[in-house]
């Protein structure tokens, strides 16, 4: 899919996980499966900014050393992303059951938890 000026919103290399429109600031936000958020100006069709979602260090066991955020990011893929009712935050479900809430405008983590069976994203 291409924007007005030929800017790529999504490609075969990047799986689009979510897309949201903010009518107050006339911007479209795309989130790809590799945790990159892009902000698109609706009038010009250009990507105004992009940033990766902030990902915490993750440990694989009680005695395991925590991996770096870069290593976690490299292996993390988004399964599902939804815009929170406040229109300012993203609810992101990653492979492996980690659920996070991120600030839509800067990608910072507001909530981070390993999901259990009772969690419902509806």
PDB file of N, CA and C in Angstrom:
ATOM      1  N   UNK A   1       0.843  -1.155   0.000  1.00  0.00           N
ATOM      2  CA  UNK A   1       0.000   0.000   0.000  1.00  0.00           C
ATOM      3  C   UNK A   1       0.898   1.231   0.000  1.00  0.00           C
ATOM      4  N   UNK A   2       0.587   2.230  -0.818  1.00  0.00           N
ATOM      5  CA  UNK A   2       1.402   3.439  -0.894  1.00  0.00           C
ATOM      6  C   UNK A   2       0.600   4.661  -0.529  1.00  0.00           C
ATOM      7  N   UNK A   3       1.283   5.617   0.085  1.00  0.00           N
ATOM      8  CA  UNK A   3       0.674   6.890   0.428  1.00  0.00           C
ATOM      9  C   UNK A   3       0.569   7.779  -0.801  1.00  0.00           C
ATOM     10  N   UNK A   4       0.035   8.954  -0.632  1.00  0.00           N
ATOM     11  CA  UNK A   4      -0.206   9.905  -1.712  1.00  0.00           C
ATOM     12  C   UNK A   4       1.049  10.185  -2.531  1.00  0.00           C
ATOM     13  N   UNK A   5       2.180  10.346  -1.874  1.00  0.00           N
ATOM     14  CA  UNK A   5       3.425  10.678  -2.570  1.00  0.00           C
ATOM     15  C   UNK A   5       4.307   9.469  -2.828  1.00  0.00           C
ATOM     16  N   UNK A   6       3.730   8.267  -2.765  1.00  0.00           N
ATOM     17  CA  UNK A   6       4.509   7.067  -3.022  1.00  0.00           C
ATOM     18  C   UNK A   6       5.191   6.497  -1.795  1.00  0.00           C
ATOM     19  N   UNK A   7       4.923   7.033  -0.608  1.00  0.00           N
ATOM     20  CA  UNK A   7       5.507   6.508   0.624  1.00  0.00           C
ATOM     21  C   UNK A   7       4.866   5.156   0.930  1.00  0.00           C
ATOM     22  N   UNK A   8       5.674   4.207   1.305  1.00  0.00           N
ATOM     23  CA  UNK A   8       5.173   2.862   1.561  1.00  0.00           C
ATOM     24  C   UNK A   8       4.601   2.777   2.971  1.00  0.00           C
ATOM     25  N   UNK A   9       3.306   2.440   3.071  1.00  0.00           N
ATOM     26  CA  UNK A   9       2.669   2.233   4.362  1.00  0.00           C
ATOM     27  C   UNK A   9       2.918   0.815   4.865  1.00  0.00           C
ATOM     28  N   UNK A  10       2.959  -0.141   3.968  1.00  0.00           N
ATOM     29  CA  UNK A  10       3.224  -1.539   4.314  1.00  0.00           C
ATOM     30  C   UNK A  10       3.743  -2.231   3.068  1.00  0.00           C
ATOM     31  N   UNK A  11       4.569  -3.247   3.251  1.00  0.00           N
ATOM     32  CA  UNK A  11       5.118  -3.986   2.118  1.00  0.00           C
ATOM     33  C   UNK A  11       5.121  -5.471   2.436  1.00  0.00           C
ATOM     34  N   UNK A  12       5.592  -6.277   1.495  1.00  0.00           N
ATOM     35  CA  UNK A  12       5.670  -7.717   1.728  1.00  0.00           C
ATOM     36  C   UNK A  12       6.670  -8.043   2.832  1.00  0.00           C
ATOM     37  N   UNK A  13       7.669  -7.185   3.019  1.00  0.00           N
ATOM     38  CA  UNK A  13       8.677  -7.401   4.051  1.00  0.00           C
ATOM     39  C   UNK A  13       8.152  -7.048   5.432  1.00  0.00           C
ATOM     40  N   UNK A  14       7.132  -6.215   5.500  1.00  0.00           N
ATOM     41  CA  UNK A  14       6.597  -5.729   6.762  1.00  0.00           C
ATOM     42  C   UNK A  14       5.124  -6.090   6.851  1.00  0.00           C
ATOM     43  N   UNK A  15       4.777  -6.893   7.838  1.00  0.00           N
ATOM     44  CA  UNK A  15       3.384  -7.257   8.048  1.00  0.00           C
ATOM     45  C   UNK A  15       2.719  -6.191   8.910  1.00  0.00           C
ATOM     46  N   UNK A  16       1.663  -5.598   8.407  1.00  0.00           N
ATOM     47  CA  UNK A  16       0.951  -4.557   9.119  1.00  0.00           C
ATOM     48  C   UNK A  16       0.132  -5.184  10.239  1.00  0.00           C
ATOM     49  N   UNK A  17       0.381  -4.755  11.482  1.00  0.00           N
ATOM     50  CA  UNK A  17      -0.332  -5.292  12.642  1.00  0.00           C
ATOM     51  C   UNK A  17      -1.514  -4.407  13.027  1.00  0.00           C
ATOM     52  N   UNK A  18      -1.445  -3.123  12.692  1.00  0.00           N
ATOM     53  CA  UNK A  18      -2.528  -2.219  13.036  1.00  0.00           C
ATOM     54  C   UNK A  18      -2.399  -0.887  12.344  1.00  0.00           C
ATOM     55  N   UNK A  19      -3.521  -0.208  12.206  1.00  0.00           N
ATOM     56  CA  UNK A  19      -3.550   1.098  11.555  1.00  0.00           C
ATOM     57  C   UNK A  19      -4.663   1.908  12.216  1.00  0.00           C
ATOM     58  N   UNK A  20      -4.339   3.138  12.670  1.00  0.00           N
ATOM     59  CA  UNK A  20      -5.302   3.964  13.381  1.00  0.00           C
ATOM     60  C   UNK A  20      -5.230   5.392  12.866  1.00  0.00           C
ATOM     61  N   UNK A  21      -6.368   6.053  12.860  1.00  0.00           N
ATOM     62  CA  UNK A  21      -6.473   7.421  12.358  1.00  0.00           C
ATOM     63  C   UNK A  21      -6.827   8.363  13.510  1.00  0.00           C
ATOM     64  N   UNK A  22      -6.092   9.458  13.638  1.00  0.00           N
ATOM     65  CA  UNK A  22      -6.384  10.489  14.624  1.00  0.00           C
ATOM     66  C   UNK A  22      -6.906  11.705  13.867  1.00  0.00           C
ATOM     67  N   UNK A  23      -8.224  11.902  13.905  1.00  0.00           N
ATOM     68  CA  UNK A  23      -8.822  12.997  13.131  1.00  0.00           C
ATOM     69  C   UNK A  23      -8.524  14.379  13.704  1.00  0.00           C
ATOM     70  N   UNK A  24      -8.125  14.449  14.973  1.00  0.00           N
ATOM     71  CA  UNK A  24      -7.807  15.745  15.574  1.00  0.00           C
ATOM     72  C   UNK A  24      -6.516  16.335  15.015  1.00  0.00           C
ATOM     73  N   UNK A  25      -5.546  15.481  14.748  1.00  0.00           N
ATOM     74  CA  UNK A  25      -4.263  15.962  14.213  1.00  0.00           C
ATOM     75  C   UNK A  25      -4.036  15.506  12.770  1.00  0.00           C
ATOM     76  N   UNK A  26      -5.056  14.874  12.184  1.00  0.00           N
ATOM     77  CA  UNK A  26      -5.006  14.433  10.779  1.00  0.00           C
ATOM     78  C   UNK A  26      -3.796  13.547  10.490  1.00  0.00           C
ATOM     79  N   UNK A  27      -3.609  12.521  11.324  1.00  0.00           N
ATOM     80  CA  UNK A  27      -2.499  11.593  11.137  1.00  0.00           C
ATOM     81  C   UNK A  27      -2.989  10.157  11.171  1.00  0.00           C
ATOM     82  N   UNK A  28      -2.321   9.321  10.398  1.00  0.00           N
ATOM     83  CA  UNK A  28      -2.548   7.877  10.418  1.00  0.00           C
ATOM     84  C   UNK A  28      -1.334   7.245  11.072  1.00  0.00           C
ATOM     85  N   UNK A  29      -1.566   6.315  11.990  1.00  0.00           N
ATOM     86  CA  UNK A  29      -0.499   5.572  12.649  1.00  0.00           C
ATOM     87  C   UNK A  29      -0.545   4.144  12.145  1.00  0.00           C
ATOM     88  N   UNK A  30       0.585   3.646  11.641  1.00  0.00           N
ATOM     89  CA  UNK A  30       0.679   2.242  11.260  1.00  0.00           C
ATOM     90  C   UNK A  30       1.663   1.563  12.204  1.00  0.00           C
ATOM     91  N   UNK A  31       1.346   0.330  12.575  1.00  0.00           N
ATOM     92  CA  UNK A  31       2.203  -0.453  13.451  1.00  0.00           C
ATOM     93  C   UNK A  31       2.469  -1.764  12.735  1.00  0.00           C
ATOM     94  N   UNK A  32       3.764  -2.069  12.499  1.00  0.00           N
ATOM     95  CA  UNK A  32       4.059  -3.323  11.819  1.00  0.00           C
ATOM     96  C   UNK A  32       4.372  -4.411  12.834  1.00  0.00           C
ATOM     97  N   UNK A  33       4.386  -5.646  12.366  1.00  0.00           N
ATOM     98  CA  UNK A  33       4.573  -6.804  13.240  1.00  0.00           C
ATOM     99  C   UNK A  33       5.948  -6.824  13.900  1.00  0.00           C
ATOM    100  N   UNK A  34       6.890  -6.036  13.397  1.00  0.00           N
ATOM    101  CA  UNK A  34       8.226  -5.962  13.992  1.00  0.00           C
ATOM    102  C   UNK A  34       8.374  -4.772  14.932  1.00  0.00           C
ATOM    103  N   UNK A  35       7.250  -4.240  15.421  1.00  0.00           N
ATOM    104  CA  UNK A  35       7.221  -3.235  16.479  1.00  0.00           C
ATOM    105  C   UNK A  35       7.612  -1.831  16.044  1.00  0.00           C
ATOM    106  N   UNK A  36       7.471  -1.488  14.784  1.00  0.00           N
ATOM    107  CA  UNK A  36       7.781  -0.140  14.325  1.00  0.00           C
ATOM    108  C   UNK A  36       6.485   0.635  14.101  1.00  0.00           C
ATOM    109  N   UNK A  37       6.388   1.804  14.719  1.00  0.00           N
ATOM    110  CA  UNK A  37       5.234   2.689  14.554  1.00  0.00           C
ATOM    111  C   UNK A  37       5.634   3.798  13.589  1.00  0.00           C
ATOM    112  N   UNK A  38       4.779   4.053  12.612  1.00  0.00           N
ATOM    113  CA  UNK A  38       5.005   5.161  11.678  1.00  0.00           C
ATOM    114  C   UNK A  38       3.813   6.102  11.767  1.00  0.00           C
ATOM    115  N   UNK A  39       4.104   7.402  11.732  1.00  0.00           N
ATOM    116  CA  UNK A  39       3.079   8.440  11.805  1.00  0.00           C
ATOM    117  C   UNK A  39       3.030   9.136  10.441  1.00  0.00           C
ATOM    118  N   UNK A  40       1.848   9.127   9.807  1.00  0.00           N
ATOM    119  CA  UNK A  40       1.685   9.642   8.455  1.00  0.00           C
ATOM    120  C   UNK A  40       0.800  10.883   8.460  1.00  0.00           C
ATOM    121  N   UNK A  41       1.233  11.930   7.791  1.00  0.00           N
ATOM    122  CA  UNK A  41       0.429  13.132   7.609  1.00  0.00           C
ATOM    123  C   UNK A  41      -0.593  12.840   6.513  1.00  0.00           C
ATOM    124  N   UNK A  42      -1.875  13.001   6.819  1.00  0.00           N
ATOM    125  CA  UNK A  42      -2.929  12.681   5.866  1.00  0.00           C
ATOM    126  C   UNK A  42      -2.906  13.630   4.668  1.00  0.00           C
ATOM    127  N   UNK A  43      -2.614  14.902   4.896  1.00  0.00           N
ATOM    128  CA  UNK A  43      -2.637  15.886   3.805  1.00  0.00           C
ATOM    129  C   UNK A  43      -1.496  15.693   2.813  1.00  0.00           C
ATOM    130  N   UNK A  44      -0.293  15.453   3.311  1.00  0.00           N
ATOM    131  CA  UNK A  44       0.859  15.323   2.418  1.00  0.00           C
ATOM    132  C   UNK A  44       1.129  13.883   2.004  1.00  0.00           C
ATOM    133  N   UNK A  45       0.658  12.911   2.800  1.00  0.00           N
ATOM    134  CA  UNK A  45       0.930  11.503   2.513  1.00  0.00           C
ATOM    135  C   UNK A  45       2.316  11.067   2.938  1.00  0.00           C
ATOM    136  N   UNK A  46       3.051  11.931   3.631  1.00  0.00           N
ATOM    137  CA  UNK A  46       4.422  11.619   4.024  1.00  0.00           C
ATOM    138  C   UNK A  46       4.494  11.068   5.438  1.00  0.00           C
ATOM    139  N   UNK A  47       5.507  10.225   5.663  1.00  0.00           N
ATOM    140  CA  UNK A  47       5.789   9.724   6.993  1.00  0.00           C
ATOM    141  C   UNK A  47       6.477  10.844   7.769  1.00  0.00           C
ATOM    142  N   UNK A  48       5.826  11.332   8.815  1.00  0.00           N
ATOM    143  CA  UNK A  48       6.341  12.443   9.601  1.00  0.00           C
ATOM    144  C   UNK A  48       7.407  11.966  10.579  1.00  0.00           C
ATOM    145  N   UNK A  49       7.164  10.806  11.198  1.00  0.00           N
ATOM    146  CA  UNK A  49       8.145  10.225  12.106  1.00  0.00           C
ATOM    147  C   UNK A  49       7.877   8.737  12.249  1.00  0.00           C
ATOM    148  N   UNK A  50       8.879   8.045  12.730  1.00  0.00           N
ATOM    149  CA  UNK A  50       8.722   6.628  13.033  1.00  0.00           C
ATOM    150  C   UNK A  50       9.557   6.314  14.265  1.00  0.00           C
ATOM    151  N   UNK A  51       9.127   5.321  15.011  1.00  0.00           N
ATOM    152  CA  UNK A  51       9.854   4.920  16.212  1.00  0.00           C
ATOM    153  C   UNK A  51       9.495   3.477  16.552  1.00  0.00           C
ATOM    154  N   UNK A  52      10.434   2.750  17.133  1.00  0.00           N
ATOM    155  CA  UNK A  52      10.114   1.388  17.587  1.00  0.00           C
ATOM    156  C   UNK A  52       9.379   1.452  18.915  1.00  0.00           C
ATOM    157  N   UNK A  53       8.486   0.492  19.149  1.00  0.00           N
ATOM    158  CA  UNK A  53       7.873   0.392  20.461  1.00  0.00           C
ATOM    159  C   UNK A  53       8.959   0.035  21.464  1.00  0.00           C
ATOM    160  N   UNK A  54       8.916   0.670  22.608  1.00  0.00           N
ATOM    161  CA  UNK A  54       9.880   0.367  23.669  1.00  0.00           C
ATOM    162  C   UNK A  54       9.575  -1.023  24.209  1.00  0.00           C
ATOM    163  N   UNK A  55      10.595  -1.875  24.264  1.00  0.00           N
ATOM    164  CA  UNK A  55      10.417  -3.239  24.755  1.00  0.00           C
ATOM    165  C   UNK A  55      11.333  -3.486  25.929  1.00  0.00           C
ATOM    166  N   UNK A  56      10.806  -4.084  26.996  1.00  0.00           N
ATOM    167  CA  UNK A  56      11.623  -4.309  28.193  1.00  0.00           C
ATOM    168  C   UNK A  56      12.545  -5.497  28.031  1.00  0.00           C
ATOM    169  N   UNK A  57      13.497  -5.584  28.937  1.00  0.00           N
ATOM    170  CA  UNK A  57      14.327  -6.777  28.985  1.00  0.00           C
ATOM    171  C   UNK A  57      13.455  -7.910  29.483  1.00  0.00           C
ATOM    172  N   UNK A  58      13.752  -9.116  29.018  1.00  0.00           N
ATOM    173  CA  UNK A  58      12.968 -10.288  29.393  1.00  0.00           C
ATOM    174  C   UNK A  58      13.924 -11.358  29.878  1.00  0.00           C
ATOM    175  N   UNK A  59      13.570 -12.081  30.925  1.00  0.00           N
ATOM    176  CA  UNK A  59      14.419 -13.175  31.362  1.00  0.00           C
ATOM    177  C   UNK A  59      13.739 -14.485  31.037  1.00  0.00           C
ATOM    178  N   UNK A  60      14.518 -15.513  30.749  1.00  0.00           N
ATOM    179  CA  UNK A  60      13.959 -16.791  30.330  1.00  0.00           C
ATOM    180  C   UNK A  60      13.866 -17.788  31.461  1.00  0.00           C
ATOM    181  N   UNK A  61      14.284 -17.458  32.654  1.00  0.00           N
ATOM    182  CA  UNK A  61      14.176 -18.357  33.789  1.00  0.00           C
ATOM    183  C   UNK A  61      14.642 -17.657  35.042  1.00  0.00           C
ATOM    184  N   UNK A  62      14.484 -18.343  36.177  1.00  0.00           N
ATOM    185  CA  UNK A  62      14.814 -17.726  37.454  1.00  0.00           C
ATOM    186  C   UNK A  62      16.283 -17.333  37.534  1.00  0.00           C
ATOM    187  N   UNK A  63      17.181 -18.151  37.000  1.00  0.00           N
ATOM    188  CA  UNK A  63      18.606 -17.872  37.091  1.00  0.00           C
ATOM    189  C   UNK A  63      19.187 -17.331  35.785  1.00  0.00           C
ATOM    190  N   UNK A  64      18.331 -17.128  34.799  1.00  0.00           N
ATOM    191  CA  UNK A  64      18.827 -16.678  33.496  1.00  0.00           C
ATOM    192  C   UNK A  64      19.155 -15.190  33.534  1.00  0.00           C
ATOM    193  N   UNK A  65      20.163 -14.819  32.788  1.00  0.00           N
ATOM    194  CA  UNK A  65      20.494 -13.398  32.661  1.00  0.00           C
ATOM    195  C   UNK A  65      19.441 -12.731  31.789  1.00  0.00           C
ATOM    196  N   UNK A  66      19.092 -11.518  32.144  1.00  0.00           N
ATOM    197  CA  UNK A  66      18.118 -10.778  31.340  1.00  0.00           C
ATOM    198  C   UNK A  66      18.730 -10.473  29.981  1.00  0.00           C
ATOM    199  N   UNK A  67      17.924 -10.640  28.951  1.00  0.00           N
ATOM    200  CA  UNK A  67      18.381 -10.309  27.602  1.00  0.00           C
ATOM    201  C   UNK A  67      18.317  -8.798  27.432  1.00  0.00           C
ATOM    202  N   UNK A  68      19.065  -8.286  26.491  1.00  0.00           N
ATOM    203  CA  UNK A  68      18.988  -6.851  26.224  1.00  0.00           C
ATOM    204  C   UNK A  68      17.680  -6.539  25.519  1.00  0.00           C
ATOM    205  N   UNK A  69      17.258  -5.293  25.588  1.00  0.00           N
ATOM    206  CA  UNK A  69      16.022  -4.892  24.912  1.00  0.00           C
ATOM    207  C   UNK A  69      16.129  -5.144  23.412  1.00  0.00           C
ATOM    208  N   UNK A  70      17.327  -4.950  22.837  1.00  0.00           N
ATOM    209  CA  UNK A  70      17.503  -5.189  21.405  1.00  0.00           C
ATOM    210  C   UNK A  70      17.291  -6.649  21.053  1.00  0.00           C
ATOM    211  N   UNK A  71      17.785  -7.556  21.872  1.00  0.00           N
ATOM    212  CA  UNK A  71      17.608  -8.984  21.610  1.00  0.00           C
ATOM    213  C   UNK A  71      16.142  -9.365  21.723  1.00  0.00           C
ATOM    214  N   UNK A  72      15.443  -8.818  22.724  1.00  0.00           N
ATOM    215  CA  UNK A  72      14.017  -9.094  22.875  1.00  0.00           C
ATOM    216  C   UNK A  72      13.255  -8.544  21.684  1.00  0.00           C
ATOM    217  N   UNK A  73      13.620  -7.341  21.257  1.00  0.00           N
ATOM    218  CA  UNK A  73      12.947  -6.724  20.125  1.00  0.00           C
ATOM    219  C   UNK A  73      13.125  -7.550  18.858  1.00  0.00           C
ATOM    220  N   UNK A  74      14.315  -8.090  18.652  1.00  0.00           N
ATOM    221  CA  UNK A  74      14.605  -8.856  17.441  1.00  0.00           C
ATOM    222  C   UNK A  74      13.743 -10.104  17.347  1.00  0.00           C
ATOM    223  N   UNK A  75      13.374 -10.696  18.488  1.00  0.00           N
ATOM    224  CA  UNK A  75      12.589 -11.919  18.443  1.00  0.00           C
ATOM    225  C   UNK A  75      11.104 -11.697  18.729  1.00  0.00           C
ATOM    226  N   UNK A  76      10.716 -10.479  19.083  1.00  0.00           N
ATOM    227  CA  UNK A  76       9.330 -10.192  19.424  1.00  0.00           C
ATOM    228  C   UNK A  76       8.526  -9.840  18.181  1.00  0.00           C
ATOM    229  N   UNK A  77       7.379 -10.448  18.071  1.00  0.00           N
ATOM    230  CA  UNK A  77       6.460 -10.161  16.981  1.00  0.00           C
ATOM    231  C   UNK A  77       5.096  -9.854  17.574  1.00  0.00           C
ATOM    232  N   UNK A  78       4.414  -8.915  16.984  1.00  0.00           N
ATOM    233  CA  UNK A  78       3.094  -8.530  17.461  1.00  0.00           C
ATOM    234  C   UNK A  78       2.050  -9.489  16.890  1.00  0.00           C
ATOM    235  N   UNK A  79       1.209 -10.021  17.769  1.00  0.00           N
ATOM    236  CA  UNK A  79       0.071 -10.834  17.339  1.00  0.00           C
ATOM    237  C   UNK A  79      -1.161  -9.979  17.094  1.00  0.00           C
ATOM    238  N   UNK A  80      -1.366  -8.988  17.957  1.00  0.00           N
ATOM    239  CA  UNK A  80      -2.582  -8.179  17.899  1.00  0.00           C
ATOM    240  C   UNK A  80      -2.293  -6.802  18.476  1.00  0.00           C
ATOM    241  N   UNK A  81      -2.891  -5.787  17.901  1.00  0.00           N
ATOM    242  CA  UNK A  81      -2.764  -4.433  18.443  1.00  0.00           C
ATOM    243  C   UNK A  81      -4.126  -3.748  18.342  1.00  0.00           C
ATOM    244  N   UNK A  82      -4.492  -3.058  19.408  1.00  0.00           N
ATOM    245  CA  UNK A  82      -5.760  -2.334  19.430  1.00  0.00           C
ATOM    246  C   UNK A  82      -5.537  -0.951  20.018  1.00  0.00           C
ATOM    247  N   UNK A  83      -6.346  -0.024  19.596  1.00  0.00           N
ATOM    248  CA  UNK A  83      -6.313   1.321  20.153  1.00  0.00           C
ATOM    249  C   UNK A  83      -7.184   1.321  21.410  1.00  0.00           C
ATOM    250  N   UNK A  84      -6.650   1.823  22.509  1.00  0.00           N
ATOM    251  CA  UNK A  84      -7.402   1.889  23.761  1.00  0.00           C
ATOM    252  C   UNK A  84      -8.529   2.904  23.625  1.00  0.00           C
ATOM    253  N   UNK A  85      -9.571   2.782  24.453  1.00  0.00           N
ATOM    254  CA  UNK A  85     -10.704   3.721  24.366  1.00  0.00           C
ATOM    255  C   UNK A  85     -10.315   5.188  24.520  1.00  0.00           C
ATOM    256  N   UNK A  86      -9.209   5.465  25.195  1.00  0.00           N
ATOM    257  CA  UNK A  86      -8.781   6.860  25.366  1.00  0.00           C
ATOM    258  C   UNK A  86      -8.166   7.459  24.104  1.00  0.00           C
ATOM    259  N   UNK A  87      -7.966   6.637  23.074  1.00  0.00           N
ATOM    260  CA  UNK A  87      -7.402   7.056  21.785  1.00  0.00           C
ATOM    261  C   UNK A  87      -5.956   7.543  21.892  1.00  0.00           C
ATOM    262  N   UNK A  88      -5.294   7.306  23.019  1.00  0.00           N
ATOM    263  CA  UNK A  88      -3.918   7.759  23.222  1.00  0.00           C
ATOM    264  C   UNK A  88      -2.952   6.610  23.441  1.00  0.00           C
ATOM    265  N   UNK A  89      -3.482   5.412  23.666  1.00  0.00           N
ATOM    266  CA  UNK A  89      -2.634   4.275  24.009  1.00  0.00           C
ATOM    267  C   UNK A  89      -2.938   3.068  23.134  1.00  0.00           C
ATOM    268  N   UNK A  90      -1.896   2.279  22.913  1.00  0.00           N
ATOM    269  CA  UNK A  90      -2.023   1.033  22.161  1.00  0.00           C
ATOM    270  C   UNK A  90      -1.962  -0.140  23.121  1.00  0.00           C
ATOM    271  N   UNK A  91      -2.854  -1.109  22.952  1.00  0.00           N
ATOM    272  CA  UNK A  91      -2.768  -2.372  23.669  1.00  0.00           C
ATOM    273  C   UNK A  91      -2.156  -3.356  22.683  1.00  0.00           C
ATOM    274  N   UNK A  92      -0.996  -3.919  23.052  1.00  0.00           N
ATOM    275  CA  UNK A  92      -0.238  -4.761  22.137  1.00  0.00           C
ATOM    276  C   UNK A  92      -0.059  -6.146  22.750  1.00  0.00           C
ATOM    277  N   UNK A  93      -0.436  -7.185  21.996  1.00  0.00           N
ATOM    278  CA  UNK A  93      -0.226  -8.570  22.418  1.00  0.00           C
ATOM    279  C   UNK A  93       0.886  -9.156  21.564  1.00  0.00           C
ATOM    280  N   UNK A  94       1.956  -9.620  22.224  1.00  0.00           N
ATOM    281  CA  UNK A  94       3.103 -10.192  21.534  1.00  0.00           C
ATOM    282  C   UNK A  94       3.026 -11.712  21.525  1.00  0.00           C
ATOM    283  N   UNK A  95       3.748 -12.334  20.583  1.00  0.00           N
ATOM    284  CA  UNK A  95       3.914 -13.783  20.615  1.00  0.00           C
ATOM    285  C   UNK A  95       4.502 -14.152  21.965  1.00  0.00           C
ATOM    286  N   UNK A  96       4.059 -15.235  22.531  1.00  0.00           N
ATOM    287  CA  UNK A  96       4.556 -15.657  23.828  1.00  0.00           C
ATOM    288  C   UNK A  96       3.698 -15.177  24.981  1.00  0.00           C
ATOM    289  N   UNK A  97       2.663 -14.384  24.701  1.00  0.00           N
ATOM    290  CA  UNK A  97       1.710 -14.010  25.722  1.00  0.00           C
ATOM    291  C   UNK A  97       1.968 -12.735  26.485  1.00  0.00           C
ATOM    292  N   UNK A  98       2.957 -11.931  26.110  1.00  0.00           N
ATOM    293  CA  UNK A  98       3.204 -10.669  26.793  1.00  0.00           C
ATOM    294  C   UNK A  98       2.218  -9.633  26.251  1.00  0.00           C
ATOM    295  N   UNK A  99       1.557  -8.922  27.173  1.00  0.00           N
ATOM    296  CA  UNK A  99       0.630  -7.858  26.803  1.00  0.00           C
ATOM    297  C   UNK A  99       1.170  -6.551  27.376  1.00  0.00           C
ATOM    298  N   UNK A 100       1.196  -5.534  26.530  1.00  0.00           N
ATOM    299  CA  UNK A 100       1.707  -4.238  26.953  1.00  0.00           C
ATOM    300  C   UNK A 100       0.750  -3.134  26.519  1.00  0.00           C
ATOM    301  N   UNK A 101       0.801  -2.028  27.249  1.00  0.00           N
ATOM    302  CA  UNK A 101       0.111  -0.808  26.835  1.00  0.00           C
ATOM    303  C   UNK A 101       1.203   0.219  26.586  1.00  0.00           C
ATOM    304  N   UNK A 102       1.150   0.832  25.398  1.00  0.00           N
ATOM    305  CA  UNK A 102       2.152   1.814  24.989  1.00  0.00           C
ATOM    306  C   UNK A 102       1.482   3.150  24.707  1.00  0.00           C
ATOM    307  N   UNK A 103       2.189   4.230  24.969  1.00  0.00           N
ATOM    308  CA  UNK A 103       1.753   5.548  24.546  1.00  0.00           C
ATOM    309  C   UNK A 103       1.848   5.588  23.017  1.00  0.00           C
ATOM    310  N   UNK A 104       0.750   5.897  22.344  1.00  0.00           N
ATOM    311  CA  UNK A 104       0.712   5.906  20.879  1.00  0.00           C
ATOM    312  C   UNK A 104       1.665   6.932  20.287  1.00  0.00           C
ATOM    313  N   UNK A 105       1.904   8.035  20.986  1.00  0.00           N
ATOM    314  CA  UNK A 105       2.659   9.141  20.408  1.00  0.00           C
ATOM    315  C   UNK A 105       4.165   9.052  20.605  1.00  0.00           C
ATOM    316  N   UNK A 106       4.633   8.175  21.522  1.00  0.00           N
ATOM    317  CA  UNK A 106       6.085   8.030  21.681  1.00  0.00           C
ATOM    318  C   UNK A 106       6.550   6.596  21.873  1.00  0.00           C
ATOM    319  N   UNK A 107       5.624   5.651  22.012  1.00  0.00           N
ATOM    320  CA  UNK A 107       5.989   4.238  22.105  1.00  0.00           C
ATOM    321  C   UNK A 107       6.393   3.762  23.480  1.00  0.00           C
ATOM    322  N   UNK A 108       6.402   4.622  24.489  1.00  0.00           N
ATOM    323  CA  UNK A 108       6.855   4.209  25.817  1.00  0.00           C
ATOM    324  C   UNK A 108       5.869   3.242  26.468  1.00  0.00           C
ATOM    325  N   UNK A 109       6.400   2.364  27.315  1.00  0.00           N
ATOM    326  CA  UNK A 109       5.594   1.348  27.986  1.00  0.00           C
ATOM    327  C   UNK A 109       4.883   1.942  29.198  1.00  0.00           C
ATOM    328  N   UNK A 110       3.575   1.710  29.268  1.00  0.00           N
ATOM    329  CA  UNK A 110       2.785   2.137  30.416  1.00  0.00           C
ATOM    330  C   UNK A 110       2.370   0.937  31.273  1.00  0.00           C
ATOM    331  N   UNK A 111       2.299  -0.246  30.655  1.00  0.00           N
ATOM    332  CA  UNK A 111       1.878  -1.473  31.340  1.00  0.00           C
ATOM    333  C   UNK A 111       2.550  -2.650  30.653  1.00  0.00           C
ATOM    334  N   UNK A 112       3.003  -3.616  31.434  1.00  0.00           N
ATOM    335  CA  UNK A 112       3.683  -4.784  30.876  1.00  0.00           C
ATOM    336  C   UNK A 112       3.355  -5.992  31.748  1.00  0.00           C
ATOM    337  N   UNK A 113       2.780  -7.030  31.139  1.00  0.00           N
ATOM    338  CA  UNK A 113       2.415  -8.209  31.913  1.00  0.00           C
ATOM    339  C   UNK A 113       2.334  -9.440  31.028  1.00  0.00           C
ATOM    340  N   UNK A 114       2.744 -10.565  31.563  1.00  0.00           N
ATOM    341  CA  UNK A 114       2.566 -11.843  30.884  1.00  0.00           C
ATOM    342  C   UNK A 114       1.098 -12.212  31.041  1.00  0.00           C
ATOM    343  N   UNK A 115       0.424 -12.459  29.929  1.00  0.00           N
ATOM    344  CA  UNK A 115      -1.019 -12.728  29.958  1.00  0.00           C
ATOM    345  C   UNK A 115      -1.304 -14.124  30.488  1.00  0.00           C
ATOM    346  N   UNK A 116      -2.420 -14.248  31.171  1.00  0.00           N
ATOM    347  CA  UNK A 116      -2.896 -15.572  31.553  1.00  0.00           C
ATOM    348  C   UNK A 116      -4.166 -15.858  30.750  1.00  0.00           C
ATOM    349  N   UNK A 117      -4.755 -17.006  30.939  1.00  0.00           N
ATOM    350  CA  UNK A 117      -5.909 -17.409  30.139  1.00  0.00           C
ATOM    351  C   UNK A 117      -7.130 -16.506  30.340  1.00  0.00           C
ATOM    352  N   UNK A 118      -7.204 -15.817  31.484  1.00  0.00           N
ATOM    353  CA  UNK A 118      -8.385 -15.006  31.774  1.00  0.00           C
ATOM    354  C   UNK A 118      -8.366 -13.640  31.103  1.00  0.00           C
ATOM    355  N   UNK A 119      -7.260 -13.256  30.480  1.00  0.00           N
ATOM    356  CA  UNK A 119      -7.156 -11.942  29.860  1.00  0.00           C
ATOM    357  C   UNK A 119      -7.964 -11.900  28.572  1.00  0.00           C
ATOM    358  N   UNK A 120      -8.780 -10.869  28.413  1.00  0.00           N
ATOM    359  CA  UNK A 120      -9.601 -10.705  27.216  1.00  0.00           C
ATOM    360  C   UNK A 120      -9.343  -9.320  26.656  1.00  0.00           C
ATOM    361  N   UNK A 121      -8.938  -9.237  25.382  1.00  0.00           N
ATOM    362  CA  UNK A 121      -8.617  -7.960  24.756  1.00  0.00           C
ATOM    363  C   UNK A 121      -9.814  -7.289  24.099  1.00  0.00           C
ATOM    364  N   UNK A 122     -10.983  -7.845  24.232  1.00  0.00           N
ATOM    365  CA  UNK A 122     -12.188  -7.263  23.628  1.00  0.00           C
ATOM    366  C   UNK A 122     -12.604  -6.017  24.348  1.00  0.00           C
TER     367      UNK A 122
END
